[in-house]
Structure formats: structure tokens, C-alpha cells
Amino acid sequence: MRITVLGTSASAPTTERGLPAVLLEYLGEGFLFDVGEGTQRQFMRFGRSFMRVTNIFISHYHGDHVFGLPGLLSTMALYGRSRPVHVWAPERQVVYVERFLRSLVPNLPFPVEFHPAAPGELFSTGDYSVRAYSLDHTVDTLAYVFEESPRIKADKEKLRKYGLHGPVVGKLKAGECVEWNGRRICPEDVVYSVPGRKIVYVADTRPVLSDLARNANVLIHEATFMHSDHDLAVEKKHSTVAEAAHVAAELNVGRLILYHFSPRIKDLSAVVEEAEKYFTPVVAAEDGYTLEI
């Protein structure tokens, strides 16, 4: 599982920072959270494959989070894409996202499926699920939670104790009891569950605490303003660096990645210094920041 923060600026790009886009790669698939203008170039710049993207999750219909969608999909078409792309956006905005795309690139050679997203589970497979919860911004905005399914593992010591091996171990992992050497052995005797990894993506918002984000391995959270601009953050319905760190602490996450910085923020070391008063470990992401977990 690999996270790449492709763009870290808020509202407008700078010479150092592109607009919001975060890529999660898992089992050969790409999951893209927001798609700021120029995102396809950020993929190229940082050596990531946009052709592997299967799902795009739009947090809300503000330009810096969606203007890159037509360009990204057009570039996929130029590279010969045929597989479908699924685009998710808040249910009252998804029609506008679709109209925006279709008005600019009406004849893509691959299917683009649009899905209304609402708080709760969006979809799940045997390997992972994706959920959403509401944020507090000037328009309907969603956070997205990617959670790996729990992994069932066998206790090697207990397998040796009972002399277990071969297909019976698979049956125990599947939840079946087995007869082995005259003894009935059930899953709880030898197997255990390991929680899957959880990644949470939080875009523009005032601080929101959701149980869906609790105990996440990684929280990716907007931090548009420093604490000195707290009044402006309240007015614009964004979070300060300190507030994002407080959220991470309250939710007991494993790691905090900050992004979505106002162009007025020049010194990312000051961002880290402010955040570390309330939570560690924390990273103030530069474009291209990568984390493998």
C-alpha cells in the first residue's frame, strides 16, 4: 500500500505546489482522491501510473479539487485506455461533475461511470471497503475512508502444538471446525484476526471528529491556515494546522499528513512545528511526498 501526495496547494497552484490530489495504490489499483488542475502532469513528474486508476473520489465541487478531471481522463484516452473509470462525488453535486466533464470531453473511448456518494459505505470487495462521512465546509463535502479487510492468520506455535498442516489450516482460516487426530479443533483455537490498514482523506473543512476515522493508520488532513489565521479559517470553513493536529490526536491515528496549504504559507518547517505541539508523528507534505505502509 503506497500513498503519494501529488498536489498540496489550496485554491491556486504555486511554483512549488500543484493543486490537491492524493493517490493510493493497493493491489495493482490506483485510487485517486480529488483531481486538481494539472494532476496528470503530477503523475508523470513523480513516476506514478494514471492508467491504473480505477476510482476517483471527488470531495466537493470546488475548482481546485475537480478542474483536473477532464485533462486527466483525456490523457488516459490518448494513452489508449479502454478500462472503465468510476467517479464518485457528493450526491447533490455528482450531476455537475458529470456535466462539466461531458461538456469538455464528450467522446471518451472508455466508460466513465458516475456515482453519487453519501455518508456510509460506498462499496466493498473481499479485500477492502470505501466509506464516506460528512465534513463542514461551504458546500457539501465528504471525507473518504479506505479500509483494508481484516486478515485472518494462523498462530504458528499452535499449529505446531496440534500438528496441523495442509488443507485443514485453510478450513480453519475460513471459519470451519475440523477433526484432527481424534480431536475437534475450531478456528478460535488456532487463528486470529489482524485489523486491516485504514487510510482517511479529509479535504476542506472545519474540524470534524468521526468514528469512521478513529484509529486510522494514516490521516491525510487539510491545513489551509496557520493558527495565526484562525479567524480566517473559521470564516472560510477551513482548518488550521493546530486544529488538524488536534483532530489527529482525538481520533488516535497512527500518522498525520498535512496538505492543502494556503499560498501564504511559505515555510513548511513552521507547519510541522505548530502541529507537533499537539500530535506526532506529522508530515507537512511537499508535492510528491510518498509513504509506504
C-alpha atoms as a PDB file:
ATOM      1  CA  MET A   1       0.000   0.000   0.000  1.00  0.00           C
ATOM      2  CA  ARG A   2       1.533   3.297  -1.104  1.00  0.00           C
ATOM      3  CA  ILE A   3       0.329   6.881  -0.704  1.00  0.00           C
ATOM      4  CA  THR A   4       1.602   9.681  -2.958  1.00  0.00           C
ATOM      5  CA  VAL A   5       0.546  13.267  -2.328  1.00  0.00           C
ATOM      6  CA  LEU A   6       0.535  14.608  -5.860  1.00  0.00           C
ATOM      7  CA  GLY A   7      -0.584  18.162  -5.072  1.00  0.00           C
ATOM      8  CA  THR A   8      -0.544  20.162  -1.848  1.00  0.00           C
ATOM      9  CA  SER A   9      -1.674  23.715  -2.567  1.00  0.00           C
ATOM     10  CA  ALA A  10      -5.043  25.295  -1.752  1.00  0.00           C
ATOM     11  CA  SER A  11      -7.171  27.353  -4.152  1.00  0.00           C
ATOM     12  CA  ALA A  12      -4.361  28.184  -6.573  1.00  0.00           C
ATOM     13  CA  PRO A  13      -1.134  26.478  -7.590  1.00  0.00           C
ATOM     14  CA  THR A  14       2.247  27.960  -6.766  1.00  0.00           C
ATOM     15  CA  THR A  15       5.610  27.486  -8.432  1.00  0.00           C
ATOM     16  CA  GLU A  16       6.337  24.693  -5.914  1.00  0.00           C
ATOM     17  CA  ARG A  17       2.901  23.191  -5.311  1.00  0.00           C
ATOM     18  CA  GLY A  18       0.204  21.700  -7.507  1.00  0.00           C
ATOM     19  CA  LEU A  19      -3.462  21.508  -6.593  1.00  0.00           C
ATOM     20  CA  PRO A  20      -4.983  18.798  -4.399  1.00  0.00           C
ATOM     21  CA  ALA A  21      -4.670  15.186  -5.496  1.00  0.00           C
ATOM     22  CA  VAL A  22      -3.712  12.149  -3.427  1.00  0.00           C
ATOM     23  CA  LEU A  23      -3.037   8.720  -4.916  1.00  0.00           C
ATOM     24  CA  LEU A  24      -3.438   5.470  -3.004  1.00  0.00           C
ATOM     25  CA  GLU A  25      -2.044   2.348  -4.685  1.00  0.00           C
ATOM     26  CA  TYR A  26      -3.211  -1.042  -3.468  1.00  0.00           C
ATOM     27  CA  LEU A  27      -3.095  -4.477  -5.110  1.00  0.00           C
ATOM     28  CA  GLY A  28      -2.340  -3.011  -8.523  1.00  0.00           C
ATOM     29  CA  GLU A  29      -5.190  -0.483  -8.431  1.00  0.00           C
ATOM     30  CA  GLY A  30      -4.997   3.284  -8.117  1.00  0.00           C
ATOM     31  CA  PHE A  31      -7.477   5.240  -6.009  1.00  0.00           C
ATOM     32  CA  LEU A  32      -7.337   8.993  -6.611  1.00  0.00           C
ATOM     33  CA  PHE A  33      -8.719  11.442  -4.074  1.00  0.00           C
ATOM     34  CA  ASP A  34      -9.501  14.785  -5.733  1.00  0.00           C
ATOM     35  CA  VAL A  35      -8.035  15.836  -9.023  1.00  0.00           C
ATOM     36  CA  GLY A  36      -6.745  19.391  -9.122  1.00  0.00           C
ATOM     37  CA  GLU A  37      -5.748  21.089 -12.346  1.00  0.00           C
ATOM     38  CA  GLY A  38      -2.658  19.504 -13.889  1.00  0.00           C
ATOM     39  CA  THR A  39      -2.892  16.245 -11.962  1.00  0.00           C
ATOM     40  CA  GLN A  40      -1.892  14.156 -14.986  1.00  0.00           C
ATOM     41  CA  ARG A  41       1.424  16.026 -15.119  1.00  0.00           C
ATOM     42  CA  GLN A  42       1.972  15.318 -11.425  1.00  0.00           C
ATOM     43  CA  PHE A  43       1.545  11.605 -12.142  1.00  0.00           C
ATOM     44  CA  MET A  44       4.268  11.846 -14.768  1.00  0.00           C
ATOM     45  CA  ARG A  45       6.500  14.035 -12.633  1.00  0.00           C
ATOM     46  CA  PHE A  46       6.519  11.572  -9.755  1.00  0.00           C
ATOM     47  CA  GLY A  47       6.586   8.345 -11.756  1.00  0.00           C
ATOM     48  CA  ARG A  48       3.099   7.098 -10.980  1.00  0.00           C
ATOM     49  CA  SER A  49       0.693   5.398 -13.383  1.00  0.00           C
ATOM     50  CA  PHE A  50      -2.625   7.140 -14.021  1.00  0.00           C
ATOM     51  CA  MET A  51      -3.610   4.181 -16.197  1.00  0.00           C
ATOM     52  CA  ARG A  52      -4.000   2.071 -13.040  1.00  0.00           C
ATOM     53  CA  VAL A  53      -6.550   4.453 -11.538  1.00  0.00           C
ATOM     54  CA  THR A  54      -9.901   2.704 -11.265  1.00  0.00           C
ATOM     55  CA  ASN A  55     -11.761   5.023  -8.874  1.00  0.00           C
ATOM     56  CA  ILE A  56     -11.677   8.802  -8.469  1.00  0.00           C
ATOM     57  CA  PHE A  57     -13.212  10.322  -5.341  1.00  0.00           C
ATOM     58  CA  ILE A  58     -14.170  13.996  -5.508  1.00  0.00           C
ATOM     59  CA  SER A  59     -14.527  15.578  -2.082  1.00  0.00           C
ATOM     60  CA  HIS A  60     -16.602  18.551  -3.303  1.00  0.00           C
ATOM     61  CA  TYR A  61     -17.342  20.647  -6.345  1.00  0.00           C
ATOM     62  CA  HIS A  62     -14.825  23.458  -5.940  1.00  0.00           C
ATOM     63  CA  GLY A  63     -12.483  24.119  -8.819  1.00  0.00           C
ATOM     64  CA  ASP A  64      -9.196  23.345  -7.121  1.00  0.00           C
ATOM     65  CA  HIS A  65     -10.481  19.827  -6.391  1.00  0.00           C
ATOM     66  CA  VAL A  66     -12.076  18.982  -9.746  1.00  0.00           C
ATOM     67  CA  PHE A  67     -10.635  21.091 -12.598  1.00  0.00           C
ATOM     68  CA  GLY A  68      -8.076  18.399 -13.396  1.00  0.00           C
ATOM     69  CA  LEU A  69     -10.658  15.717 -14.208  1.00  0.00           C
ATOM     70  CA  PRO A  70     -11.149  16.460 -17.951  1.00  0.00           C
ATOM     71  CA  GLY A  71      -7.415  16.724 -18.541  1.00  0.00           C
ATOM     72  CA  LEU A  72      -6.618  13.514 -16.682  1.00  0.00           C
ATOM     73  CA  LEU A  73      -9.265  11.469 -18.488  1.00  0.00           C
ATOM     74  CA  SER A  74      -8.315  12.966 -21.866  1.00  0.00           C
ATOM     75  CA  THR A  75      -4.693  11.962 -21.269  1.00  0.00           C
ATOM     76  CA  MET A  76      -5.833   8.447 -20.355  1.00  0.00           C
ATOM     77  CA  ALA A  77      -7.637   8.331 -23.701  1.00  0.00           C
ATOM     78  CA  LEU A  78      -4.502   9.442 -25.574  1.00  0.00           C
ATOM     79  CA  TYR A  79      -2.618   6.605 -23.897  1.00  0.00           C
ATOM     80  CA  GLY A  80      -5.154   4.067 -25.170  1.00  0.00           C
ATOM     81  CA  ARG A  81      -7.239   3.407 -22.092  1.00  0.00           C
ATOM     82  CA  SER A  82     -10.181   1.024 -22.511  1.00  0.00           C
ATOM     83  CA  ARG A  83     -10.996   0.061 -18.902  1.00  0.00           C
ATOM     84  CA  PRO A  84     -13.795   1.942 -17.121  1.00  0.00           C
ATOM     85  CA  VAL A  85     -13.153   4.696 -14.600  1.00  0.00           C
ATOM     86  CA  HIS A  86     -15.532   5.211 -11.687  1.00  0.00           C
ATOM     87  CA  VAL A  87     -16.011   8.760 -10.436  1.00  0.00           C
ATOM     88  CA  TRP A  88     -17.583   9.419  -7.039  1.00  0.00           C
ATOM     89  CA  ALA A  89     -18.818  12.807  -5.830  1.00  0.00           C
ATOM     90  CA  PRO A  90     -21.305  14.082  -3.213  1.00  0.00           C
ATOM     91  CA  GLU A  91     -24.783  13.056  -4.313  1.00  0.00           C
ATOM     92  CA  ARG A  92     -26.091  16.595  -4.870  1.00  0.00           C
ATOM     93  CA  GLN A  93     -23.008  17.564  -6.881  1.00  0.00           C
ATOM     94  CA  VAL A  94     -22.278  14.495  -8.991  1.00  0.00           C
ATOM     95  CA  VAL A  95     -24.554  15.730 -11.803  1.00  0.00           C
ATOM     96  CA  TYR A  96     -22.494  18.932 -12.061  1.00  0.00           C
ATOM     97  CA  VAL A  97     -19.244  16.988 -12.121  1.00  0.00           C
ATOM     98  CA  GLU A  98     -20.601  14.841 -14.963  1.00  0.00           C
ATOM     99  CA  ARG A  99     -21.887  17.828 -16.944  1.00  0.00           C
ATOM    100  CA  PHE A 100     -18.553  19.592 -16.509  1.00  0.00           C
ATOM    101  CA  LEU A 101     -16.658  16.592 -17.873  1.00  0.00           C
ATOM    102  CA  ARG A 102     -19.067  15.806 -20.705  1.00  0.00           C
ATOM    103  CA  SER A 103     -19.104  19.419 -21.885  1.00  0.00           C
ATOM    104  CA  LEU A 104     -15.333  19.364 -22.396  1.00  0.00           C
ATOM    105  CA  VAL A 105     -14.619  15.753 -23.400  1.00  0.00           C
ATOM    106  CA  PRO A 106     -17.916  14.243 -24.622  1.00  0.00           C
ATOM    107  CA  ASN A 107     -16.463  11.312 -26.590  1.00  0.00           C
ATOM    108  CA  LEU A 108     -14.031   9.430 -24.398  1.00  0.00           C
ATOM    109  CA  PRO A 109     -13.239   5.948 -25.797  1.00  0.00           C
ATOM    110  CA  PHE A 110     -13.734   4.235 -22.426  1.00  0.00           C
ATOM    111  CA  PRO A 111     -16.647   4.166 -19.981  1.00  0.00           C
ATOM    112  CA  VAL A 112     -16.782   6.743 -17.195  1.00  0.00           C
ATOM    113  CA  GLU A 113     -19.296   5.749 -14.553  1.00  0.00           C
ATOM    114  CA  PHE A 114     -20.519   8.462 -12.161  1.00  0.00           C
ATOM    115  CA  HIS A 115     -21.695   7.513  -8.679  1.00  0.00           C
ATOM    116  CA  PRO A 116     -23.443   9.637  -6.039  1.00  0.00           C
ATOM    117  CA  ALA A 117     -21.580   9.415  -2.743  1.00  0.00           C
ATOM    118  CA  ALA A 118     -23.291   9.774   0.635  1.00  0.00           C
ATOM    119  CA  PRO A 119     -22.159   9.174   4.217  1.00  0.00           C
ATOM    120  CA  GLY A 120     -21.730   5.456   4.899  1.00  0.00           C
ATOM    121  CA  GLU A 121     -20.331   2.608   2.851  1.00  0.00           C
ATOM    122  CA  LEU A 122     -19.877   3.291  -0.851  1.00  0.00           C
ATOM    123  CA  PHE A 123     -18.705  -0.175  -1.870  1.00  0.00           C
ATOM    124  CA  SER A 124     -16.655  -3.104  -0.673  1.00  0.00           C
ATOM    125  CA  THR A 125     -14.778  -6.082  -2.082  1.00  0.00           C
ATOM    126  CA  GLY A 126     -13.235  -9.031  -0.355  1.00  0.00           C
ATOM    127  CA  ASP A 127     -10.030  -7.020   0.046  1.00  0.00           C
ATOM    128  CA  TYR A 128     -11.210  -3.550   1.095  1.00  0.00           C
ATOM    129  CA  SER A 129     -14.094  -1.155   1.599  1.00  0.00           C
ATOM    130  CA  VAL A 130     -14.560   2.565   0.950  1.00  0.00           C
ATOM    131  CA  ARG A 131     -16.745   4.709   3.202  1.00  0.00           C
ATOM    132  CA  ALA A 132     -17.525   8.398   3.423  1.00  0.00           C
ATOM    133  CA  TYR A 133     -18.531  10.859   6.096  1.00  0.00           C
ATOM    134  CA  SER A 134     -19.694  14.470   6.019  1.00  0.00           C
ATOM    135  CA  LEU A 135     -17.361  17.409   6.538  1.00  0.00           C
ATOM    136  CA  ASP A 136     -18.112  21.025   7.464  1.00  0.00           C
ATOM    137  CA  HIS A 137     -17.337  23.311   4.523  1.00  0.00           C
ATOM    138  CA  THR A 138     -19.165  25.941   2.485  1.00  0.00           C
ATOM    139  CA  VAL A 139     -20.691  23.243   0.238  1.00  0.00           C
ATOM    140  CA  ASP A 140     -21.443  19.540   0.754  1.00  0.00           C
ATOM    141  CA  THR A 141     -18.055  17.914   1.248  1.00  0.00           C
ATOM    142  CA  LEU A 142     -17.078  14.336   2.023  1.00  0.00           C
ATOM    143  CA  ALA A 143     -14.131  12.656   3.670  1.00  0.00           C
ATOM    144  CA  TYR A 144     -13.226   9.220   2.308  1.00  0.00           C
ATOM    145  CA  VAL A 145     -12.106   6.199   4.331  1.00  0.00           C
ATOM    146  CA  PHE A 146     -10.257   3.353   2.617  1.00  0.00           C
ATOM    147  CA  GLU A 147     -10.068   0.311   4.887  1.00  0.00           C
ATOM    148  CA  GLU A 148      -8.417  -2.989   4.165  1.00  0.00           C
ATOM    149  CA  SER A 149     -10.398  -6.064   5.193  1.00  0.00           C
ATOM    150  CA  PRO A 150      -9.214  -7.863   8.346  1.00  0.00           C
ATOM    151  CA  ARG A 151      -6.627 -10.546   7.684  1.00  0.00           C
ATOM    152  CA  ILE A 152      -7.031 -13.995   9.196  1.00  0.00           C
ATOM    153  CA  LYS A 153      -3.760 -15.509  10.357  1.00  0.00           C
ATOM    154  CA  ALA A 154      -2.836 -18.819  11.952  1.00  0.00           C
ATOM    155  CA  ASP A 155      -0.758 -18.958  15.104  1.00  0.00           C
ATOM    156  CA  LYS A 156       2.317 -20.951  14.034  1.00  0.00           C
ATOM    157  CA  GLU A 157       3.061 -22.131  17.568  1.00  0.00           C
ATOM    158  CA  LYS A 158      -0.441 -23.523  17.945  1.00  0.00           C
ATOM    159  CA  LEU A 159      -0.285 -25.166  14.538  1.00  0.00           C
ATOM    160  CA  ARG A 160       2.865 -26.963  15.691  1.00  0.00           C
ATOM    161  CA  LYS A 161       1.249 -27.835  19.016  1.00  0.00           C
ATOM    162  CA  TYR A 162      -1.637 -29.622  17.290  1.00  0.00           C
ATOM    163  CA  GLY A 163       0.431 -30.889  14.349  1.00  0.00           C
ATOM    164  CA  LEU A 164      -1.804 -29.064  11.913  1.00  0.00           C
ATOM    165  CA  HIS A 165      -0.806 -28.582   8.284  1.00  0.00           C
ATOM    166  CA  GLY A 166      -2.175 -28.692   4.776  1.00  0.00           C
ATOM    167  CA  PRO A 167      -5.800 -28.004   3.716  1.00  0.00           C
ATOM    168  CA  VAL A 168      -7.189 -28.170   7.260  1.00  0.00           C
ATOM    169  CA  VAL A 169      -5.406 -24.893   8.051  1.00  0.00           C
ATOM    170  CA  GLY A 170      -7.299 -23.253   5.190  1.00  0.00           C
ATOM    171  CA  LYS A 171     -10.575 -24.585   6.543  1.00  0.00           C
ATOM    172  CA  LEU A 172      -9.826 -23.158   9.972  1.00  0.00           C
ATOM    173  CA  LYS A 173      -8.991 -19.781   8.420  1.00  0.00           C
ATOM    174  CA  ALA A 174     -12.314 -19.949   6.575  1.00  0.00           C
ATOM    175  CA  GLY A 175     -14.150 -20.361   9.874  1.00  0.00           C
ATOM    176  CA  GLU A 176     -14.707 -24.121   9.900  1.00  0.00           C
ATOM    177  CA  CYS A 177     -14.061 -26.541  12.741  1.00  0.00           C
ATOM    178  CA  VAL A 178     -12.094 -29.670  11.816  1.00  0.00           C
ATOM    179  CA  GLU A 179     -11.499 -33.155  13.203  1.00  0.00           C
ATOM    180  CA  TRP A 180      -7.774 -33.791  13.540  1.00  0.00           C
ATOM    181  CA  ASN A 181      -6.130 -36.787  15.171  1.00  0.00           C
ATOM    182  CA  GLY A 182      -9.279 -37.563  17.085  1.00  0.00           C
ATOM    183  CA  ARG A 183      -9.688 -34.023  18.357  1.00  0.00           C
ATOM    184  CA  ARG A 184     -12.141 -31.311  17.347  1.00  0.00           C
ATOM    185  CA  ILE A 185     -10.321 -28.063  16.636  1.00  0.00           C
ATOM    186  CA  CYS A 186     -12.160 -24.805  15.934  1.00  0.00           C
ATOM    187  CA  PRO A 187     -10.887 -21.522  14.474  1.00  0.00           C
ATOM    188  CA  GLU A 188     -10.685 -19.769  17.844  1.00  0.00           C
ATOM    189  CA  ASP A 189      -8.166 -22.416  18.925  1.00  0.00           C
ATOM    190  CA  VAL A 190      -5.527 -21.522  16.354  1.00  0.00           C
ATOM    191  CA  VAL A 191      -6.400 -18.465  14.219  1.00  0.00           C
ATOM    192  CA  TYR A 192      -6.757 -14.770  14.923  1.00  0.00           C
ATOM    193  CA  SER A 193      -7.808 -11.613  13.093  1.00  0.00           C
ATOM    194  CA  VAL A 194      -5.472  -8.732  12.284  1.00  0.00           C
ATOM    195  CA  PRO A 195      -7.197  -5.405  11.558  1.00  0.00           C
ATOM    196  CA  GLY A 196      -6.658  -4.103   8.049  1.00  0.00           C
ATOM    197  CA  ARG A 197      -4.901  -0.828   7.311  1.00  0.00           C
ATOM    198  CA  LYS A 198      -7.069   2.289   7.255  1.00  0.00           C
ATOM    199  CA  ILE A 199      -6.381   5.484   5.304  1.00  0.00           C
ATOM    200  CA  VAL A 200      -8.537   8.601   5.758  1.00  0.00           C
ATOM    201  CA  TYR A 201      -8.631  11.530   3.316  1.00  0.00           C
ATOM    202  CA  VAL A 202     -10.046  14.789   4.677  1.00  0.00           C
ATOM    203  CA  ALA A 203     -10.462  17.759   2.357  1.00  0.00           C
ATOM    204  CA  ASP A 204     -11.731  21.290   3.054  1.00  0.00           C
ATOM    205  CA  THR A 205     -13.479  21.503   6.407  1.00  0.00           C
ATOM    206  CA  ARG A 206     -13.709  22.877   9.888  1.00  0.00           C
ATOM    207  CA  PRO A 207     -12.563  20.213  12.382  1.00  0.00           C
ATOM    208  CA  VAL A 208     -14.805  17.128  12.328  1.00  0.00           C
ATOM    209  CA  LEU A 209     -14.466  14.041  14.514  1.00  0.00           C
ATOM    210  CA  SER A 210     -15.900  10.862  13.017  1.00  0.00           C
ATOM    211  CA  ASP A 211     -15.712   7.359  14.440  1.00  0.00           C
ATOM    212  CA  LEU A 212     -15.132   6.145  10.877  1.00  0.00           C
ATOM    213  CA  ALA A 213     -11.706   7.800  11.039  1.00  0.00           C
ATOM    214  CA  ARG A 214     -10.821   6.619  14.529  1.00  0.00           C
ATOM    215  CA  ASN A 215      -7.590   4.581  14.864  1.00  0.00           C
ATOM    216  CA  ALA A 216      -6.658   5.100  11.214  1.00  0.00           C
ATOM    217  CA  ASN A 217      -3.112   4.219  10.271  1.00  0.00           C
ATOM    218  CA  VAL A 218      -2.852   7.444   8.281  1.00  0.00           C
ATOM    219  CA  LEU A 219      -4.946  10.622   8.373  1.00  0.00           C
ATOM    220  CA  ILE A 220      -4.434  12.955   5.409  1.00  0.00           C
ATOM    221  CA  HIS A 221      -5.922  16.266   6.535  1.00  0.00           C
ATOM    222  CA  GLU A 222      -6.180  19.724   5.066  1.00  0.00           C
ATOM    223  CA  ALA A 223      -4.299  22.502   6.876  1.00  0.00           C
ATOM    224  CA  THR A 224      -5.039  25.642   4.907  1.00  0.00           C
ATOM    225  CA  PHE A 225      -4.017  28.182   7.534  1.00  0.00           C
ATOM    226  CA  MET A 226      -1.629  28.622  10.428  1.00  0.00           C
ATOM    227  CA  HIS A 227      -3.109  29.251  13.879  1.00  0.00           C
ATOM    228  CA  SER A 228      -2.381  32.966  13.456  1.00  0.00           C
ATOM    229  CA  ASP A 229      -5.084  32.994  10.744  1.00  0.00           C
ATOM    230  CA  HIS A 230      -7.669  31.173  12.873  1.00  0.00           C
ATOM    231  CA  ASP A 231     -10.374  33.792  12.269  1.00  0.00           C
ATOM    232  CA  LEU A 232      -9.915  33.453   8.521  1.00  0.00           C
ATOM    233  CA  ALA A 233     -10.114  29.660   8.807  1.00  0.00           C
ATOM    234  CA  VAL A 234     -13.450  29.990  10.616  1.00  0.00           C
ATOM    235  CA  GLU A 235     -14.753  32.443   8.015  1.00  0.00           C
ATOM    236  CA  LYS A 236     -13.694  30.274   5.045  1.00  0.00           C
ATOM    237  CA  LYS A 237     -14.613  26.988   6.790  1.00  0.00           C
ATOM    238  CA  HIS A 238     -11.154  25.504   6.675  1.00  0.00           C
ATOM    239  CA  SER A 239      -8.852  24.026   9.328  1.00  0.00           C
ATOM    240  CA  THR A 240      -5.707  25.447  10.830  1.00  0.00           C
ATOM    241  CA  VAL A 241      -2.591  23.363  11.273  1.00  0.00           C
ATOM    242  CA  ALA A 242      -3.200  23.196  15.032  1.00  0.00           C
ATOM    243  CA  GLU A 243      -6.812  22.107  14.542  1.00  0.00           C
ATOM    244  CA  ALA A 244      -5.828  19.314  12.157  1.00  0.00           C
ATOM    245  CA  ALA A 245      -3.305  18.095  14.730  1.00  0.00           C
ATOM    246  CA  HIS A 246      -5.972  18.167  17.444  1.00  0.00           C
ATOM    247  CA  VAL A 247      -8.231  16.037  15.221  1.00  0.00           C
ATOM    248  CA  ALA A 248      -5.439  13.500  14.732  1.00  0.00           C
ATOM    249  CA  ALA A 249      -4.875  13.298  18.481  1.00  0.00           C
ATOM    250  CA  GLU A 250      -8.570  12.942  19.288  1.00  0.00           C
ATOM    251  CA  LEU A 251      -9.002  10.191  16.702  1.00  0.00           C
ATOM    252  CA  ASN A 252      -5.912   8.292  17.871  1.00  0.00           C
ATOM    253  CA  VAL A 253      -4.481   7.927  14.380  1.00  0.00           C
ATOM    254  CA  GLY A 254      -1.071   6.486  13.699  1.00  0.00           C
ATOM    255  CA  ARG A 255       0.307   9.238  11.458  1.00  0.00           C
ATOM    256  CA  LEU A 256      -0.804  12.656  10.210  1.00  0.00           C
ATOM    257  CA  ILE A 257      -0.068  14.002   6.737  1.00  0.00           C
ATOM    258  CA  LEU A 258      -0.901  17.678   6.262  1.00  0.00           C
ATOM    259  CA  TYR A 259      -1.569  19.187   2.825  1.00  0.00           C
ATOM    260  CA  HIS A 260      -3.772  21.867   1.154  1.00  0.00           C
ATOM    261  CA  PHE A 261      -1.677  24.829   2.258  1.00  0.00           C
ATOM    262  CA  SER A 262      -2.649  28.396   1.504  1.00  0.00           C
ATOM    263  CA  PRO A 263      -0.176  30.068  -0.870  1.00  0.00           C
ATOM    264  CA  ARG A 264       0.565  32.448   2.017  1.00  0.00           C
ATOM    265  CA  ILE A 265       2.289  29.548   3.835  1.00  0.00           C
ATOM    266  CA  LYS A 266       5.903  29.554   2.689  1.00  0.00           C
ATOM    267  CA  ASP A 267       7.738  27.653   5.423  1.00  0.00           C
ATOM    268  CA  LEU A 268       6.666  24.055   5.941  1.00  0.00           C
ATOM    269  CA  SER A 269       9.001  23.683   8.907  1.00  0.00           C
ATOM    270  CA  ALA A 270       6.756  26.162  10.728  1.00  0.00           C
ATOM    271  CA  VAL A 271       3.776  23.960   9.860  1.00  0.00           C
ATOM    272  CA  VAL A 272       5.456  20.938  11.433  1.00  0.00           C
ATOM    273  CA  GLU A 273       6.491  22.955  14.488  1.00  0.00           C
ATOM    274  CA  GLU A 274       2.917  24.104  15.081  1.00  0.00           C
ATOM    275  CA  ALA A 275       1.409  20.644  14.531  1.00  0.00           C
ATOM    276  CA  GLU A 276       3.915  18.849  16.785  1.00  0.00           C
ATOM    277  CA  LYS A 277       2.685  20.813  19.784  1.00  0.00           C
ATOM    278  CA  TYR A 278      -0.433  18.636  19.639  1.00  0.00           C
ATOM    279  CA  PHE A 279       0.411  15.465  17.678  1.00  0.00           C
ATOM    280  CA  THR A 280       3.274  13.352  16.387  1.00  0.00           C
ATOM    281  CA  PRO A 281       4.302  11.890  14.022  1.00  0.00           C
ATOM    282  CA  VAL A 282       3.320  14.513  11.469  1.00  0.00           C
ATOM    283  CA  VAL A 283       4.491  15.422   7.974  1.00  0.00           C
ATOM    284  CA  ALA A 284       3.830  18.664   6.118  1.00  0.00           C
ATOM    285  CA  ALA A 285       3.744  17.152   2.642  1.00  0.00           C
ATOM    286  CA  GLU A 286       5.531  18.579  -0.309  1.00  0.00           C
ATOM    287  CA  ASP A 287       4.340  17.585  -3.784  1.00  0.00           C
ATOM    288  CA  GLY A 288       5.459  14.025  -4.419  1.00  0.00           C
ATOM    289  CA  TYR A 289       5.651  13.009  -0.771  1.00  0.00           C
ATOM    290  CA  THR A 290       5.369   9.196  -0.626  1.00  0.00           C
ATOM    291  CA  LEU A 291       4.591   6.848   2.216  1.00  0.00           C
ATOM    292  CA  GLU A 292       4.540   3.053   2.078  1.00  0.00           C
ATOM    293  CA  ILE A 293       2.676   1.222   4.841  1.00  0.00           C
END
